Structure formats: structure tokens, C-alpha cells
Protein backbone atom coordinates (compact mmCIF):
# COMPACT_ATOMS: atom_id res chain seq x y z
CA UNK A 1 76.96 92.00 101.48
CA UNK A 2 78.98 89.51 99.24
CA UNK A 3 80.28 86.87 101.54
CA UNK A 4 83.67 87.22 99.77
CA UNK A 5 84.12 90.65 101.49
CA UNK A 6 82.92 89.34 105.14
CA UNK A 7 85.59 86.79 104.76
CA UNK A 8 88.30 89.03 103.90
CA UNK A 9 87.38 91.18 106.78
CA UNK A 10 87.25 88.16 108.83
CA UNK A 11 90.46 87.10 107.99
CA UNK A 12 92.20 90.37 108.58
CA UNK A 13 90.45 90.45 112.13
CA UNK A 14 91.78 87.08 112.92
CA UNK A 15 95.18 88.15 111.88
CA UNK A 16 94.96 91.16 114.21
CA UNK A 17 93.67 89.04 117.44
CA UNK A 18 96.19 86.70 116.97
CA UNK A 19 95.75 82.85 118.28
CA UNK A 20 92.98 82.46 120.71
CA UNK A 21 93.77 79.40 123.51
CA UNK A 22 91.15 77.08 123.54
CA UNK A 23 89.10 77.33 126.98
CA UNK A 24 86.01 75.34 128.53
CA UNK A 25 82.66 75.53 127.24
CA UNK A 26 81.30 76.35 123.93
CA UNK A 27 83.96 77.18 121.25
CA UNK A 28 83.89 81.05 120.14
CA UNK A 29 81.42 82.21 117.54
CA UNK A 30 82.98 82.25 114.05
CA UNK A 31 84.40 85.79 113.07
CA UNK A 32 82.28 85.82 110.00
CA UNK A 33 79.08 85.20 111.70
CA UNK A 34 79.98 88.10 113.95
CA UNK A 35 80.54 90.30 110.82
CA UNK A 36 77.46 89.16 109.35
CA UNK A 37 75.38 90.23 112.36
CA UNK A 38 77.33 93.36 112.76
CA UNK A 39 76.84 94.39 109.10
CA UNK A 40 72.79 93.62 109.61
CA UNK A 41 72.76 95.58 112.88
CA UNK A 42 74.31 98.56 111.14
CA UNK A 43 72.47 98.81 108.01
CA UNK A 44 69.04 98.00 109.35
CA UNK A 45 69.24 99.43 112.78
CA UNK A 46 67.92 96.15 114.42
CA UNK A 47 67.32 96.28 118.19
CA UNK A 48 70.06 94.31 120.09
CA UNK A 49 67.05 91.88 121.54
CA UNK A 50 66.17 91.17 117.86
CA UNK A 51 69.29 89.88 116.84
CA UNK A 52 68.81 85.98 117.14
CA UNK A 53 71.34 83.16 116.66
CA UNK A 54 71.08 81.59 113.61
CA UNK A 55 73.24 79.42 111.22
CA UNK A 56 74.80 82.34 109.62
CA UNK A 57 74.28 84.97 112.27
CA UNK A 58 75.28 85.66 116.09
CA UNK A 59 73.07 87.10 118.72
CA UNK A 60 72.93 90.39 119.85
CA UNK A 61 74.73 89.53 123.21
CA UNK A 62 77.37 87.84 121.34
CA UNK A 63 77.78 90.89 118.97
CA UNK A 64 78.08 93.18 121.85
CA UNK A 65 80.72 91.29 123.68
CA UNK A 66 82.84 90.99 120.72
CA UNK A 67 82.48 94.75 120.22
CA UNK A 68 83.46 95.35 123.48
CA UNK A 69 86.57 93.09 123.15
CA UNK A 70 87.63 94.82 119.88
CA UNK A 71 86.94 98.23 121.37
CA UNK A 72 89.54 97.24 124.36
CA UNK A 73 92.14 95.77 122.23
CA UNK A 74 91.94 98.37 119.21
CA UNK A 75 91.18 95.51 116.98
CA UNK A 76 88.95 97.47 114.57
CA UNK A 77 91.50 100.45 114.26
CA UNK A 78 94.19 98.05 113.16
CA UNK A 79 91.79 96.23 110.87
CA UNK A 80 90.98 99.49 109.19
CA UNK A 81 94.81 100.39 108.78
CA UNK A 82 95.55 97.25 107.09
CA UNK A 83 92.86 97.24 104.70
CA UNK A 84 93.57 100.85 103.84
CA UNK A 85 97.18 99.77 103.49
CA UNK A 86 96.32 97.28 100.73
CA UNK A 87 95.00 99.75 98.33
CA UNK A 88 96.52 102.43 96.31
CA UNK A 89 95.16 105.60 97.53
CA UNK A 90 95.29 109.00 96.21
CA UNK A 91 97.76 111.22 97.88
CA UNK A 92 94.88 113.92 98.75
CA UNK A 93 93.31 114.03 102.11
CA UNK A 94 89.77 115.63 102.75
CA UNK A 95 88.14 116.09 106.13
CA UNK A 96 84.50 116.63 107.04
CA UNK A 97 82.06 116.10 109.85
CA UNK A 98 78.35 115.07 109.95
CA UNK A 99 76.13 115.25 112.94
CA UNK A 100 73.49 113.02 114.29
CA UNK A 101 70.90 113.10 116.98
CA UNK A 102 71.22 111.39 120.17
CA UNK A 103 67.83 110.10 121.44
CA UNK A 104 69.02 108.55 124.57
CA UNK A 105 72.04 110.73 125.37
CA UNK A 106 75.02 108.77 126.84
CA UNK A 107 78.76 109.05 126.22
CA UNK A 108 80.01 111.27 123.23
CA UNK A 109 76.93 113.41 123.28
CA UNK A 110 76.69 117.15 123.79
CA UNK A 111 74.38 120.26 122.65
CA UNK A 112 74.52 120.42 118.58
CA UNK A 113 74.58 123.99 117.84
CA UNK A 114 73.17 123.16 114.55
CA UNK A 115 70.26 121.44 115.70
CA UNK A 116 68.73 123.95 118.40
CA UNK A 117 71.10 122.58 120.91
CA UNK A 118 69.71 119.00 121.22
CA UNK A 119 71.85 116.10 122.13
CA UNK A 120 73.93 114.70 119.48
CA UNK A 121 77.12 113.42 118.06
CA UNK A 122 79.46 114.41 115.57
CA UNK A 123 81.20 111.88 112.90
CA UNK A 124 84.67 113.29 111.90
CA UNK A 125 85.78 111.49 108.63
CA UNK A 126 88.84 111.55 106.62
CA UNK A 127 88.97 110.33 103.26
CA UNK A 128 91.40 110.29 100.49
CA UNK A 129 91.02 112.20 97.18
CA UNK A 130 89.02 109.17 95.60
CA UNK A 131 86.94 108.89 98.67
CA UNK A 132 88.50 106.04 100.68
CA UNK A 133 87.68 106.61 104.62
CA UNK A 134 91.53 106.24 106.13
CA UNK A 135 90.45 107.73 109.76
CA UNK A 136 87.26 108.37 111.63
CA UNK A 137 86.39 109.58 115.25
CA UNK A 138 83.15 110.12 117.13
CA UNK A 139 82.83 113.05 119.52
CA UNK A 140 80.20 115.12 121.08
CA UNK A 141 78.38 117.25 118.91
CA UNK A 142 79.72 120.41 120.69
CA UNK A 143 83.70 119.69 120.16
CA UNK A 144 85.26 122.15 117.72
CA UNK A 145 86.62 120.52 114.60
CA UNK A 146 90.04 121.85 115.12
CA UNK A 147 90.62 119.93 118.31
CA UNK A 148 89.87 116.77 116.32
CA UNK A 149 92.40 117.63 113.21
CA UNK A 150 95.25 116.54 114.56
CA UNK A 151 94.19 113.14 115.70
CA UNK A 152 92.33 112.74 112.22
CA UNK A 153 95.57 114.11 110.35
CA UNK A 154 98.09 111.46 112.23
CA UNK A 155 95.90 108.50 112.06
CA UNK A 156 95.62 109.08 108.30
CA UNK A 157 99.46 109.79 107.92
CA UNK A 158 99.98 106.32 109.54
CA UNK A 159 98.32 104.36 106.83
CA UNK A 160 98.66 106.39 103.70
CA UNK A 161 101.78 106.19 101.57
CA UNK A 162 102.02 109.89 101.33
CA UNK A 163 99.84 112.91 101.81
CA UNK A 164 100.27 115.66 99.33
CA UNK A 165 97.47 118.22 99.82
CA UNK A 166 94.76 118.55 102.66
CA UNK A 167 91.52 119.76 101.90
CA UNK A 168 89.25 121.16 104.85
CA UNK A 169 86.68 123.64 105.51
CA UNK A 170 86.56 126.58 108.02
CA UNK A 171 85.86 124.48 110.85
CA UNK A 172 89.40 123.41 110.99
CA UNK A 173 90.66 126.56 110.62
CA UNK A 174 93.77 126.88 112.77
CA UNK A 175 97.45 127.90 112.30
CA UNK A 176 98.30 124.96 114.26
CA UNK A 177 96.65 122.90 111.71
CA UNK A 178 98.73 124.33 108.88
CA UNK A 179 101.72 124.02 110.62
CA UNK A 180 101.22 120.54 111.27
CA UNK A 181 100.71 119.71 107.62
CA UNK A 182 103.70 121.42 106.62
CA UNK A 183 105.70 119.67 109.20
CA UNK A 184 104.78 116.46 107.34
CA UNK A 185 105.16 117.76 104.00
CA UNK A 186 101.65 118.43 102.94
CA UNK A 187 100.32 121.50 101.50
CA UNK A 188 96.76 122.60 103.74
CA UNK A 189 94.09 124.21 101.91
CA UNK A 190 91.98 125.07 104.88
CA UNK A 191 89.32 127.67 104.53
CA UNK A 192 89.70 130.78 106.57
CA UNK A 193 87.08 132.24 108.59
CA UNK A 194 85.59 135.34 107.34
CA UNK A 195 87.54 135.15 104.00
CA UNK A 196 86.24 134.58 100.41
CA UNK A 197 86.21 130.72 99.52
CA UNK A 198 89.04 129.53 97.88
CA UNK A 199 88.11 128.57 94.03
CA UNK A 200 87.63 125.07 93.75
CA UNK A 201 87.51 123.92 97.17
CA UNK A 202 84.00 122.88 96.98
CA UNK A 203 84.81 120.75 93.83
CA UNK A 204 87.79 118.77 96.03
CA UNK A 205 85.61 118.17 98.76
CA UNK A 206 83.04 116.20 97.25
CA UNK A 207 84.46 112.65 97.96
CA UNK A 208 84.08 113.02 101.53
CA UNK A 209 80.56 114.43 101.54
CA UNK A 210 79.79 111.05 99.49
CA UNK A 211 81.40 109.18 102.11
CA UNK A 212 79.62 110.88 104.80
CA UNK A 213 76.24 110.02 103.16
CA UNK A 214 77.39 106.44 102.61
CA UNK A 215 77.99 106.28 106.47
CA UNK A 216 74.74 107.55 107.34
CA UNK A 217 72.96 105.20 105.18
CA UNK A 218 73.76 102.74 108.09
CA UNK A 219 70.50 103.34 110.09
CA UNK A 220 72.47 102.78 113.37
CA UNK A 221 74.25 105.44 112.74
CA UNK A 222 71.99 107.98 111.24
CA UNK A 223 70.18 108.11 114.62
CA UNK A 224 71.92 107.25 117.70
CA UNK A 225 70.42 105.14 120.26
CA UNK A 226 73.27 103.56 122.14
CA UNK A 227 74.51 105.15 125.06
CA UNK A 228 78.03 103.86 125.45
CA UNK A 229 80.88 105.60 123.81
CA UNK A 230 82.86 102.60 122.58
CA UNK A 231 79.65 101.01 120.85
CA UNK A 232 79.18 104.37 118.82
CA UNK A 233 83.07 104.55 117.52
CA UNK A 234 83.08 100.57 117.00
CA UNK A 235 80.04 101.13 114.70
CA UNK A 236 81.53 104.42 112.94
CA UNK A 237 84.75 102.26 112.26
CA UNK A 238 83.08 99.21 111.14
CA UNK A 239 80.94 101.34 108.84
CA UNK A 240 84.33 102.74 107.23
CA UNK A 241 85.60 99.15 107.12
CA UNK A 242 82.81 98.03 105.34
CA UNK A 243 83.38 100.77 102.59
CA UNK A 244 87.02 100.11 102.32
CA UNK A 245 86.54 96.29 101.93
CA UNK A 246 84.01 96.94 99.43
CA UNK A 247 86.32 99.15 97.43
CA UNK A 248 89.10 96.55 97.77
CA UNK A 249 87.05 93.63 96.66
CA UNK A 250 86.62 95.53 93.29
CA UNK A 251 90.27 95.53 92.43
CA UNK A 252 90.55 92.03 92.73
């Protein structure tokens, strides 16, 4: 990935973290080195122990400490929101999910009804009409999509200038979800179970399917090995951040 993109994300991360008080021992690792390691870890699926500290990258133990710190302080969510706010997003919101197998079980896993009941994790992603991921949540594979709709919608509403239309498949079919959209001035187009498909719904949902494919290009997410839930959520959020930053870099 272009160093300019890593530097952009590092600047936003440091702004969200605030000023760090110097302490005893070695100075903290530069944020851009941690992000470069995170990118390699995501894309190549490198094992933790194989991540060695170099001039440009940090070690696996350092990356793990930073991810834990960012998870507890909510830094990645704020970074994601700020980067999205820098873009002129499309007023359409599209929701979809994808499931992956969890080889070692752990947090945020459950029997996947689409994979013969094997343990898995589901990634819920909300994107704008032009494919910019604005919200993401990792849950167990057996969690119903309707239970996550409100969380995704409110997270997207907090960072988007406006939401005019919401597209989702029948997994999100619930009157409470339609009511929530109407309360915020958005027109819901959610496919109803047992009803013929709305014309053009598939054509409108392709940006989120493309974004899901981009997320799953990260080998560390395509097949889950990490047992801790905060690691999985942080990796999913990081993948979305890299996608947003890449889109943002094209505008400058």
C-alpha cells in the first residue's frame, strides 16, 4: 500500500489518541510502522510469531498490544468515522453480510446455518451507494441480521451527511427496521420474506457485495484463526479503514 495512505491513517489515529505522556523505557513504536504491520497481517495472513520488528514494521507482540489498546479506547471506530466524513458519500445506504469459518472457535462464533452448522463468524457491513464502507460489525454466524440492523444504521447515520434510501435483503426483514428508517427520514427498500423480489433490488445491492469481496481478500479475515473477539472486530474495522483511505487518496 502507498506510504501516503498509511501516513494519512497514522495522522488521523494520532489525532484521535491525543497526546501521549512520555514514560520510562523505550519510546513507543511509530504509528505508521504499526499500520504497515497491520496491513501485512491482514492481507497475507502472516502468523503472529512470524511478524518480526524491522525498520519499517513492528513485531507481532507490539501489533497485538496496539490492537488491544485501540479496541478498549474505540480509536479505530473514531478513525473510520473521520475518514468517512472527509468523503462526499452517496446518500444511499446498502447492508449485507458474509460468513467465514472460525477454525479455532472463540468469541463471536456460532453454528453457521449456511455451512452445515460449523463454527463461524458473520461480518455485517454497511456501505454507501458508491461502495464506501461506513459501518461494520462482527457477530457469531447464527446471529439474525435483523438484530444488527439498528446498530449498523445508527453507526452509518452518525457519519453520513444524509441517508435517503436503504437497501437490504430479506435477512433484515422486520417492521421495526422499516420504522427506524422512516423515523430518520430514509426510505427503506427491504425485501419481504415470501414476496417476489423487488425489481432492481439486486442491481442496487452490488456495491456492498463488491465491498464484501474486497474485505475477504484479506486472508486474515477470509478464514478466522483468532479466538479473541476484539481482535476480529479490530481487523474488520481496519480493513474498512484501508478501503476508505484508499478511496480518499484518489480525490487528492
